[in-house]
């Protein structure tokens, strides 16, 4: 085979690799449903999935008392994720919820002095670009909102749209027998 044939074969093999990588990246606008940040392990709260006993105050994070702090997911089958660092629950346009996490990075010396904290958006709407198991979050920042800040998070879970349970109430008193 001559060089041109080898070049054509190499391009035919390499081009699908590049096209699948670009096809995997997906940019979406999303809303931040819940934020959590801690240097110690905690159970992620996921709106629509965490039950009514979810610890949204953080009181059960540092010193959990089994009598007052139920372990999520143990009794009702809800998903549980024990994480550390910054966790966001993102509402996607199609109703799914993306749970993403970023862990603070420390210097090679292992000191807390040279530590890089994960950026956490304090706005309601963010842009997110999913690429495999990572999610690049971007949001307006700075005093005038003109600077765009970004942070790369790891995708922990992509959950289906939560199903709302219908409650039927009868305000007319007991049902006739």
N, C-alpha and C. Protein backbone atom coordinates (compact mmCIF):
# COMPACT_ATOMS: atom_id res chain seq x y z
N UNK A 1 0.83 -1.18 0.00
CA UNK A 1 0.00 0.00 0.00
C UNK A 1 0.87 1.24 0.00
N UNK A 2 0.38 2.24 -0.69
CA UNK A 2 1.15 3.48 -0.70
C UNK A 2 0.74 4.37 0.48
N UNK A 3 1.40 5.49 0.60
CA UNK A 3 1.17 6.39 1.72
C UNK A 3 -0.25 6.95 1.73
N UNK A 4 -0.79 7.26 0.59
CA UNK A 4 -2.13 7.84 0.53
C UNK A 4 -3.20 6.84 0.99
N UNK A 5 -3.00 5.59 0.69
CA UNK A 5 -3.96 4.57 1.14
C UNK A 5 -3.91 4.45 2.67
N UNK A 6 -2.68 4.43 3.22
CA UNK A 6 -2.54 4.38 4.67
C UNK A 6 -3.14 5.62 5.33
N UNK A 7 -2.95 6.77 4.73
CA UNK A 7 -3.50 8.00 5.27
C UNK A 7 -5.04 7.95 5.26
N UNK A 8 -5.62 7.44 4.17
CA UNK A 8 -7.07 7.34 4.08
C UNK A 8 -7.62 6.37 5.12
N UNK A 9 -6.92 5.24 5.33
CA UNK A 9 -7.35 4.27 6.33
C UNK A 9 -7.24 4.88 7.73
N UNK A 10 -6.15 5.59 8.00
CA UNK A 10 -5.97 6.21 9.32
C UNK A 10 -7.05 7.25 9.59
N UNK A 11 -7.38 8.06 8.60
CA UNK A 11 -8.44 9.06 8.76
C UNK A 11 -9.81 8.41 8.97
N UNK A 12 -10.05 7.31 8.28
CA UNK A 12 -11.32 6.61 8.43
C UNK A 12 -11.47 6.03 9.83
N UNK A 13 -10.36 5.63 10.44
CA UNK A 13 -10.40 5.06 11.79
C UNK A 13 -10.48 6.17 12.84
N UNK A 14 -9.76 7.26 12.63
CA UNK A 14 -9.68 8.32 13.64
C UNK A 14 -10.91 9.23 13.64
N UNK A 15 -11.50 9.51 12.50
CA UNK A 15 -12.62 10.47 12.45
C UNK A 15 -13.82 10.07 13.29
N UNK A 16 -14.24 8.81 13.36
CA UNK A 16 -15.37 8.48 14.26
C UNK A 16 -15.04 8.71 15.73
N UNK A 17 -13.78 8.55 16.10
CA UNK A 17 -13.40 8.79 17.49
C UNK A 17 -13.64 10.23 17.86
N UNK A 18 -13.22 11.18 17.00
CA UNK A 18 -13.42 12.59 17.29
C UNK A 18 -14.89 12.97 17.23
N UNK A 19 -15.64 12.40 16.32
CA UNK A 19 -17.06 12.77 16.21
C UNK A 19 -17.86 12.25 17.40
N UNK A 20 -17.52 11.09 17.94
CA UNK A 20 -18.25 10.59 19.11
C UNK A 20 -17.91 11.40 20.35
N UNK A 21 -16.67 11.88 20.46
CA UNK A 21 -16.33 12.72 21.61
C UNK A 21 -17.10 14.03 21.57
N UNK A 22 -17.22 14.65 20.41
CA UNK A 22 -17.95 15.90 20.34
C UNK A 22 -19.44 15.68 20.48
N UNK A 23 -19.94 14.52 20.07
CA UNK A 23 -21.36 14.23 20.20
C UNK A 23 -21.73 13.97 21.66
N UNK A 24 -20.78 13.51 22.47
CA UNK A 24 -21.06 13.23 23.87
C UNK A 24 -21.23 14.51 24.68
N UNK A 25 -20.52 15.58 24.32
CA UNK A 25 -20.63 16.83 25.05
C UNK A 25 -22.01 17.42 24.80
N UNK A 26 -22.68 17.76 25.89
CA UNK A 26 -24.04 18.27 25.79
C UNK A 26 -24.15 19.50 26.67
N UNK A 27 -24.52 20.64 26.07
CA UNK A 27 -24.67 21.89 26.82
C UNK A 27 -26.14 22.13 27.11
N UNK A 28 -26.44 22.42 28.37
CA UNK A 28 -27.82 22.66 28.80
C UNK A 28 -27.87 23.82 29.78
N UNK A 29 -29.01 24.49 29.82
CA UNK A 29 -29.29 25.43 30.89
C UNK A 29 -30.01 24.65 31.98
N UNK A 30 -29.65 24.88 33.22
CA UNK A 30 -30.29 24.14 34.31
C UNK A 30 -30.48 25.05 35.50
N UNK A 31 -31.26 24.58 36.44
CA UNK A 31 -31.47 25.34 37.67
C UNK A 31 -30.84 24.59 38.83
N UNK A 32 -30.28 25.34 39.76
CA UNK A 32 -29.68 24.74 40.94
C UNK A 32 -30.80 24.50 41.94
N UNK A 33 -31.09 23.24 42.22
CA UNK A 33 -32.17 22.89 43.14
C UNK A 33 -31.71 22.87 44.58
N UNK A 34 -30.46 22.42 44.82
CA UNK A 34 -29.96 22.31 46.18
C UNK A 34 -28.45 22.34 46.16
N UNK A 35 -27.86 22.99 47.16
CA UNK A 35 -26.40 23.09 47.31
C UNK A 35 -26.00 22.52 48.67
N UNK A 36 -24.89 21.80 48.69
CA UNK A 36 -24.31 21.32 49.94
C UNK A 36 -22.81 21.46 49.86
N UNK A 37 -22.18 21.76 50.99
CA UNK A 37 -20.73 21.91 51.03
C UNK A 37 -20.23 21.58 52.42
N UNK A 38 -19.29 20.64 52.52
CA UNK A 38 -18.75 20.27 53.81
C UNK A 38 -17.41 19.56 53.63
N UNK A 39 -16.55 19.72 54.63
CA UNK A 39 -15.26 19.02 54.64
C UNK A 39 -15.38 17.62 55.23
N UNK A 40 -16.54 17.28 55.77
CA UNK A 40 -16.78 15.94 56.31
C UNK A 40 -17.86 15.26 55.48
N UNK A 41 -17.92 13.95 55.55
CA UNK A 41 -18.88 13.19 54.75
C UNK A 41 -20.31 13.50 55.17
N UNK A 42 -21.20 13.58 54.18
CA UNK A 42 -22.62 13.83 54.42
C UNK A 42 -23.44 13.07 53.40
N UNK A 43 -24.74 12.93 53.68
CA UNK A 43 -25.66 12.31 52.73
C UNK A 43 -26.23 13.42 51.86
N UNK A 44 -26.13 13.27 50.56
CA UNK A 44 -26.63 14.29 49.64
C UNK A 44 -28.15 14.35 49.71
N UNK A 45 -28.68 15.58 49.77
CA UNK A 45 -30.12 15.80 49.73
C UNK A 45 -30.49 16.08 48.29
N UNK A 46 -31.44 15.31 47.76
CA UNK A 46 -31.84 15.45 46.37
C UNK A 46 -33.33 15.77 46.32
N UNK A 47 -33.69 17.00 45.94
CA UNK A 47 -35.11 17.36 45.89
C UNK A 47 -35.90 16.41 45.00
N UNK A 48 -37.03 15.95 45.52
CA UNK A 48 -37.86 15.01 44.79
C UNK A 48 -37.52 13.56 45.07
N UNK A 49 -36.35 13.32 45.66
CA UNK A 49 -35.92 11.97 45.97
C UNK A 49 -35.68 11.77 47.45
N UNK A 50 -35.09 12.75 48.13
CA UNK A 50 -34.86 12.61 49.56
C UNK A 50 -36.19 12.75 50.27
N UNK A 51 -36.45 11.88 51.19
CA UNK A 51 -37.74 11.84 51.86
C UNK A 51 -37.98 13.04 52.77
N UNK A 52 -39.13 13.05 53.43
CA UNK A 52 -39.47 14.16 54.29
C UNK A 52 -38.57 14.26 55.52
N UNK A 53 -37.88 13.18 55.85
CA UNK A 53 -36.98 13.20 57.00
C UNK A 53 -35.55 13.59 56.61
N UNK A 54 -35.35 14.09 55.39
CA UNK A 54 -34.01 14.46 54.95
C UNK A 54 -33.49 15.59 55.82
N UNK A 55 -32.21 15.53 56.15
CA UNK A 55 -31.59 16.53 57.01
C UNK A 55 -31.17 17.73 56.16
N UNK A 56 -32.06 18.70 55.99
CA UNK A 56 -31.74 19.86 55.18
C UNK A 56 -31.04 20.94 55.99
N UNK A 57 -30.95 20.78 57.31
CA UNK A 57 -30.30 21.78 58.15
C UNK A 57 -28.83 21.47 58.36
N UNK A 58 -28.41 20.23 58.15
CA UNK A 58 -27.03 19.85 58.39
C UNK A 58 -26.78 19.40 59.82
N UNK A 59 -27.81 19.38 60.67
CA UNK A 59 -27.64 19.01 62.07
C UNK A 59 -27.20 17.57 62.22
N UNK A 60 -27.55 16.71 61.28
CA UNK A 60 -27.19 15.30 61.39
C UNK A 60 -25.87 14.99 60.70
N UNK A 61 -25.20 15.99 60.16
CA UNK A 61 -23.98 15.75 59.41
C UNK A 61 -22.79 15.49 60.33
N UNK A 62 -22.59 16.34 61.32
CA UNK A 62 -21.37 16.25 62.11
C UNK A 62 -21.42 15.18 63.18
N UNK A 63 -22.52 15.07 63.91
CA UNK A 63 -22.62 14.10 64.99
C UNK A 63 -23.99 13.43 64.90
N UNK A 64 -24.16 12.50 63.96
CA UNK A 64 -25.49 11.91 63.77
C UNK A 64 -25.92 11.04 64.95
N UNK A 65 -27.14 11.27 65.39
CA UNK A 65 -27.75 10.46 66.43
C UNK A 65 -28.76 9.55 65.73
N UNK A 66 -28.55 8.22 65.73
CA UNK A 66 -29.45 7.33 64.99
C UNK A 66 -30.91 7.48 65.38
N UNK A 67 -31.20 7.89 66.60
CA UNK A 67 -32.59 8.04 67.02
C UNK A 67 -33.25 9.23 66.34
N UNK A 68 -32.49 10.30 66.12
CA UNK A 68 -33.05 11.53 65.55
C UNK A 68 -32.65 11.78 64.11
N UNK A 69 -31.66 11.07 63.61
CA UNK A 69 -31.16 11.29 62.26
C UNK A 69 -31.26 9.98 61.47
N UNK A 70 -32.37 9.76 60.79
CA UNK A 70 -32.50 8.52 60.01
C UNK A 70 -31.51 8.50 58.85
N UNK A 71 -31.06 7.32 58.52
CA UNK A 71 -30.17 7.16 57.38
C UNK A 71 -31.03 7.13 56.13
N UNK A 72 -30.82 8.09 55.20
CA UNK A 72 -31.67 8.13 54.01
C UNK A 72 -31.56 6.84 53.21
N UNK A 73 -32.66 6.43 52.63
CA UNK A 73 -32.67 5.30 51.73
C UNK A 73 -32.73 3.94 52.38
N UNK A 74 -32.54 3.85 53.68
CA UNK A 74 -32.52 2.55 54.32
C UNK A 74 -33.90 1.89 54.34
N UNK A 75 -34.94 2.69 54.52
CA UNK A 75 -36.26 2.08 54.67
C UNK A 75 -37.16 2.26 53.46
N UNK A 76 -36.97 3.31 52.69
CA UNK A 76 -37.93 3.57 51.61
C UNK A 76 -37.34 3.45 50.21
N UNK A 77 -36.13 3.01 50.06
CA UNK A 77 -35.56 2.76 48.75
C UNK A 77 -35.10 3.99 47.99
N UNK A 78 -35.06 5.16 48.63
CA UNK A 78 -34.60 6.35 47.92
C UNK A 78 -33.09 6.27 47.70
N UNK A 79 -32.58 6.89 46.64
CA UNK A 79 -31.13 6.82 46.39
C UNK A 79 -30.35 7.60 47.45
N UNK A 80 -29.22 7.06 47.86
CA UNK A 80 -28.37 7.74 48.84
C UNK A 80 -26.96 7.84 48.29
N UNK A 81 -26.35 8.97 48.56
CA UNK A 81 -24.97 9.20 48.15
C UNK A 81 -24.26 9.86 49.32
N UNK A 82 -23.23 9.21 49.82
CA UNK A 82 -22.41 9.79 50.88
C UNK A 82 -21.23 10.47 50.19
N UNK A 83 -21.15 11.78 50.36
CA UNK A 83 -20.16 12.57 49.62
C UNK A 83 -19.40 13.49 50.56
N UNK A 84 -18.38 14.12 50.02
CA UNK A 84 -17.60 15.13 50.72
C UNK A 84 -17.31 16.22 49.70
N UNK A 85 -17.22 17.45 50.15
CA UNK A 85 -16.96 18.56 49.23
C UNK A 85 -18.23 19.30 48.87
N UNK A 86 -18.29 19.80 47.65
CA UNK A 86 -19.42 20.59 47.17
C UNK A 86 -20.30 19.74 46.28
N UNK A 87 -21.58 19.67 46.59
CA UNK A 87 -22.53 18.88 45.81
C UNK A 87 -23.67 19.79 45.36
N UNK A 88 -24.04 19.66 44.10
CA UNK A 88 -25.17 20.40 43.54
C UNK A 88 -26.18 19.41 43.00
N UNK A 89 -27.45 19.68 43.23
CA UNK A 89 -28.54 18.96 42.57
C UNK A 89 -29.07 19.91 41.51
N UNK A 90 -28.93 19.52 40.24
CA UNK A 90 -29.30 20.37 39.13
C UNK A 90 -30.57 19.87 38.45
N UNK A 91 -31.53 20.74 38.27
CA UNK A 91 -32.75 20.41 37.54
C UNK A 91 -32.53 20.66 36.06
N UNK A 92 -32.63 19.62 35.25
CA UNK A 92 -32.40 19.72 33.82
C UNK A 92 -33.71 20.04 33.10
N UNK A 93 -33.65 20.57 31.88
CA UNK A 93 -34.88 20.95 31.16
C UNK A 93 -35.87 19.81 30.95
N UNK A 94 -35.38 18.57 30.84
CA UNK A 94 -36.30 17.45 30.61
C UNK A 94 -36.86 16.86 31.90
N UNK A 95 -36.56 17.47 33.06
CA UNK A 95 -37.10 17.02 34.33
C UNK A 95 -36.16 16.14 35.12
N UNK A 96 -35.10 15.64 34.49
CA UNK A 96 -34.14 14.81 35.23
C UNK A 96 -33.39 15.67 36.24
N UNK A 97 -32.77 15.00 37.20
CA UNK A 97 -31.94 15.68 38.18
C UNK A 97 -30.53 15.12 38.09
N UNK A 98 -29.57 16.01 37.91
CA UNK A 98 -28.17 15.62 37.89
C UNK A 98 -27.56 15.95 39.24
N UNK A 99 -26.92 14.97 39.85
CA UNK A 99 -26.21 15.17 41.11
C UNK A 99 -24.73 15.22 40.75
N UNK A 100 -24.09 16.37 41.03
CA UNK A 100 -22.69 16.54 40.69
C UNK A 100 -21.92 16.93 41.94
N UNK A 101 -20.63 16.56 41.98
CA UNK A 101 -19.81 16.77 43.17
C UNK A 101 -18.42 17.22 42.79
N UNK A 102 -17.85 18.09 43.61
CA UNK A 102 -16.48 18.56 43.43
C UNK A 102 -15.79 18.51 44.79
N UNK A 103 -14.60 17.93 44.83
CA UNK A 103 -13.85 17.82 46.07
C UNK A 103 -12.71 18.83 46.02
N UNK A 104 -12.53 19.58 47.13
CA UNK A 104 -11.45 20.56 47.22
C UNK A 104 -10.11 19.88 46.98
N UNK A 105 -9.22 20.60 46.33
CA UNK A 105 -7.91 20.05 46.03
C UNK A 105 -6.87 20.73 46.93
N UNK A 106 -5.95 19.92 47.45
CA UNK A 106 -4.93 20.41 48.36
C UNK A 106 -3.57 20.43 47.67
N UNK A 107 -2.65 21.18 48.26
CA UNK A 107 -1.30 21.26 47.70
C UNK A 107 -0.58 19.93 47.88
N UNK A 108 0.53 19.78 47.20
CA UNK A 108 1.32 18.55 47.30
C UNK A 108 1.88 18.37 48.71
N UNK A 109 2.02 19.47 49.47
CA UNK A 109 2.54 19.40 50.82
C UNK A 109 1.50 18.86 51.79
N UNK A 110 0.24 18.84 51.39
CA UNK A 110 -0.81 18.31 52.25
C UNK A 110 -1.29 19.29 53.30
N UNK A 111 -0.97 20.57 53.14
CA UNK A 111 -1.42 21.56 54.12
C UNK A 111 -2.75 22.16 53.67
N UNK A 112 -3.49 22.66 54.63
CA UNK A 112 -4.74 23.33 54.31
C UNK A 112 -4.51 24.77 53.86
N UNK A 113 -3.28 25.24 54.00
CA UNK A 113 -2.97 26.61 53.62
C UNK A 113 -3.08 26.77 52.11
N UNK A 114 -2.51 25.85 51.36
CA UNK A 114 -2.53 25.92 49.90
C UNK A 114 -3.62 25.02 49.36
N UNK A 115 -4.84 25.38 49.58
CA UNK A 115 -5.97 24.56 49.19
C UNK A 115 -6.81 25.34 48.19
N UNK A 116 -7.25 24.66 47.15
CA UNK A 116 -8.10 25.27 46.14
C UNK A 116 -9.52 24.78 46.36
N UNK A 117 -10.40 25.72 46.72
CA UNK A 117 -11.79 25.37 46.97
C UNK A 117 -12.55 25.27 45.65
N UNK A 118 -13.52 24.40 45.62
CA UNK A 118 -14.38 24.27 44.45
C UNK A 118 -15.30 25.48 44.37
N UNK A 119 -15.47 25.98 43.16
CA UNK A 119 -16.40 27.09 42.97
C UNK A 119 -17.83 26.59 43.07
N UNK A 120 -18.67 27.35 43.78
CA UNK A 120 -20.07 26.98 43.93
C UNK A 120 -20.93 28.16 43.47
N UNK A 121 -21.78 27.93 42.49
CA UNK A 121 -22.64 29.02 42.02
C UNK A 121 -23.68 29.39 43.07
N UNK A 122 -23.83 30.67 43.31
CA UNK A 122 -24.84 31.15 44.24
C UNK A 122 -26.01 31.78 43.49
N UNK A 123 -26.13 31.44 42.23
CA UNK A 123 -27.24 31.91 41.39
C UNK A 123 -28.17 30.73 41.14
N UNK A 124 -29.37 31.02 40.68
CA UNK A 124 -30.36 29.97 40.44
C UNK A 124 -30.19 29.27 39.10
N UNK A 125 -29.76 29.98 38.07
CA UNK A 125 -29.62 29.41 36.73
C UNK A 125 -28.13 29.30 36.38
N UNK A 126 -27.74 28.12 35.86
CA UNK A 126 -26.36 27.88 35.44
C UNK A 126 -26.36 27.19 34.09
N UNK A 127 -25.25 27.27 33.41
CA UNK A 127 -25.03 26.49 32.21
C UNK A 127 -24.22 25.28 32.59
N UNK A 128 -24.52 24.15 32.00
CA UNK A 128 -23.76 22.94 32.32
C UNK A 128 -23.46 22.20 31.02
N UNK A 129 -22.22 21.77 30.89
CA UNK A 129 -21.79 21.01 29.73
C UNK A 129 -21.36 19.63 30.22
N UNK A 130 -22.15 18.64 29.86
CA UNK A 130 -21.84 17.26 30.25
C UNK A 130 -20.92 16.65 29.20
N UNK A 131 -19.87 16.01 29.68
CA UNK A 131 -18.94 15.33 28.80
C UNK A 131 -18.48 14.07 29.53
N UNK A 132 -19.14 12.96 29.25
CA UNK A 132 -18.81 11.72 29.94
C UNK A 132 -19.18 11.81 31.40
N UNK A 133 -18.21 11.60 32.28
CA UNK A 133 -18.49 11.63 33.72
C UNK A 133 -18.18 12.98 34.36
N UNK A 134 -17.97 14.01 33.55
CA UNK A 134 -17.71 15.33 34.11
C UNK A 134 -18.77 16.33 33.64
N UNK A 135 -18.95 17.35 34.45
CA UNK A 135 -19.91 18.41 34.13
C UNK A 135 -19.22 19.74 34.39
N UNK A 136 -19.08 20.54 33.36
CA UNK A 136 -18.48 21.86 33.50
C UNK A 136 -19.61 22.86 33.73
N UNK A 137 -19.65 23.44 34.92
CA UNK A 137 -20.69 24.38 35.32
C UNK A 137 -20.18 25.79 35.07
N UNK A 138 -21.01 26.64 34.47
CA UNK A 138 -20.65 28.05 34.27
C UNK A 138 -21.80 28.93 34.73
N UNK A 139 -21.44 30.08 35.34
CA UNK A 139 -22.45 31.00 35.87
C UNK A 139 -21.86 32.41 35.90
N UNK A 140 -22.74 33.42 35.87
CA UNK A 140 -22.25 34.79 35.95
C UNK A 140 -21.76 35.09 37.37
N UNK A 141 -20.64 35.78 37.46
CA UNK A 141 -20.08 36.11 38.76
C UNK A 141 -19.53 37.52 38.76
N UNK A 142 -18.84 37.87 39.81
CA UNK A 142 -18.30 39.20 39.95
C UNK A 142 -19.35 40.19 40.43
N UNK A 143 -18.92 41.38 40.76
CA UNK A 143 -19.86 42.37 41.30
C UNK A 143 -20.92 42.83 40.30
N UNK A 144 -20.58 42.84 39.03
CA UNK A 144 -21.55 43.30 38.03
C UNK A 144 -22.17 42.15 37.23
N UNK A 145 -21.77 40.91 37.52
CA UNK A 145 -22.33 39.75 36.84
C UNK A 145 -21.84 39.56 35.42
N UNK A 146 -20.79 40.27 35.02
CA UNK A 146 -20.28 40.16 33.65
C UNK A 146 -19.22 39.08 33.50
N UNK A 147 -18.54 38.76 34.57
CA UNK A 147 -17.51 37.72 34.52
C UNK A 147 -18.18 36.35 34.59
N UNK A 148 -17.75 35.43 33.74
CA UNK A 148 -18.28 34.07 33.76
C UNK A 148 -17.31 33.20 34.55
N UNK A 149 -17.83 32.57 35.61
CA UNK A 149 -17.03 31.67 36.41
C UNK A 149 -17.36 30.24 36.02
N UNK A 150 -16.38 29.34 36.12
CA UNK A 150 -16.60 27.94 35.77
C UNK A 150 -15.96 27.03 36.81
N UNK A 151 -16.50 25.85 36.90
CA UNK A 151 -15.93 24.80 37.75
C UNK A 151 -16.32 23.47 37.14
N UNK A 152 -15.40 22.51 37.22
CA UNK A 152 -15.67 21.17 36.71
C UNK A 152 -16.04 20.25 37.87
N UNK A 153 -17.18 19.62 37.76
CA UNK A 153 -17.70 18.70 38.76
C UNK A 153 -17.72 17.29 38.19
N UNK A 154 -17.75 16.30 39.06
CA UNK A 154 -17.90 14.91 38.65
C UNK A 154 -19.39 14.57 38.73
N UNK A 155 -19.90 13.89 37.71
CA UNK A 155 -21.30 13.48 37.72
C UNK A 155 -21.43 12.26 38.63
N UNK A 156 -22.22 12.40 39.68
CA UNK A 156 -22.46 11.30 40.63
C UNK A 156 -23.63 10.46 40.14
N UNK A 157 -24.71 11.12 39.70
CA UNK A 157 -25.89 10.39 39.25
C UNK A 157 -26.74 11.26 38.34
N UNK A 158 -27.42 10.61 37.40
CA UNK A 158 -28.44 11.25 36.57
C UNK A 158 -29.73 10.53 36.91
N UNK A 159 -30.61 11.20 37.62
CA UNK A 159 -31.84 10.58 38.10
C UNK A 159 -33.02 10.98 37.22
N UNK A 160 -33.92 10.05 37.02
CA UNK A 160 -35.11 10.31 36.22
C UNK A 160 -35.97 11.37 36.91
N UNK A 161 -36.87 11.93 36.16
CA UNK A 161 -37.79 12.93 36.70
C UNK A 161 -38.53 12.33 37.89
N UNK A 162 -38.52 13.03 39.05
CA UNK A 162 -39.20 12.48 40.22
C UNK A 162 -40.71 12.36 39.97
N UNK A 163 -41.27 11.29 40.48
CA UNK A 163 -42.70 11.06 40.32
C UNK A 163 -43.41 11.62 41.54
N UNK A 164 -44.37 12.48 41.30
CA UNK A 164 -45.14 13.05 42.40
C UNK A 164 -46.23 12.07 42.79
N UNK A 165 -46.37 11.86 44.06
CA UNK A 165 -47.43 10.96 44.51
C UNK A 165 -48.71 11.76 44.67
N UNK A 166 -49.75 11.27 44.07
CA UNK A 166 -51.04 11.96 44.15
C UNK A 166 -51.70 11.64 45.48
N UNK A 167 -52.25 12.65 46.10
CA UNK A 167 -52.96 12.47 47.36
C UNK A 167 -54.41 12.86 47.14
N UNK A 168 -55.28 11.96 47.47
CA UNK A 168 -56.70 12.23 47.33
C UNK A 168 -57.25 12.51 48.72
N UNK A 169 -57.82 13.68 48.87
CA UNK A 169 -58.39 14.02 50.16
C UNK A 169 -59.89 14.24 50.01
N UNK A 170 -60.58 13.92 51.03
CA UNK A 170 -62.01 14.11 51.03
C UNK A 170 -62.34 15.01 52.21
N UNK A 171 -62.68 16.24 51.93
CA UNK A 171 -62.96 17.20 52.99
C UNK A 171 -64.40 17.13 53.47
N UNK A 172 -65.16 16.20 52.97
CA UNK A 172 -66.56 16.11 53.33
C UNK A 172 -66.81 15.18 54.50
N UNK A 173 -65.79 14.71 55.14
CA UNK A 173 -65.99 13.80 56.27
C UNK A 173 -65.78 12.36 55.85
N UNK A 174 -66.16 11.43 56.69
CA UNK A 174 -65.93 10.02 56.37
C UNK A 174 -66.77 9.58 55.17
N UNK A 175 -66.24 8.65 54.43
CA UNK A 175 -66.93 8.13 53.24
C UNK A 175 -68.12 7.30 53.67
N UNK A 176 -69.23 7.31 52.90
CA UNK A 176 -70.40 6.50 53.26
C UNK A 176 -70.11 5.03 53.08
N UNK A 177 -70.74 4.19 53.88
CA UNK A 177 -70.51 2.74 53.83
C UNK A 177 -71.51 2.08 52.97
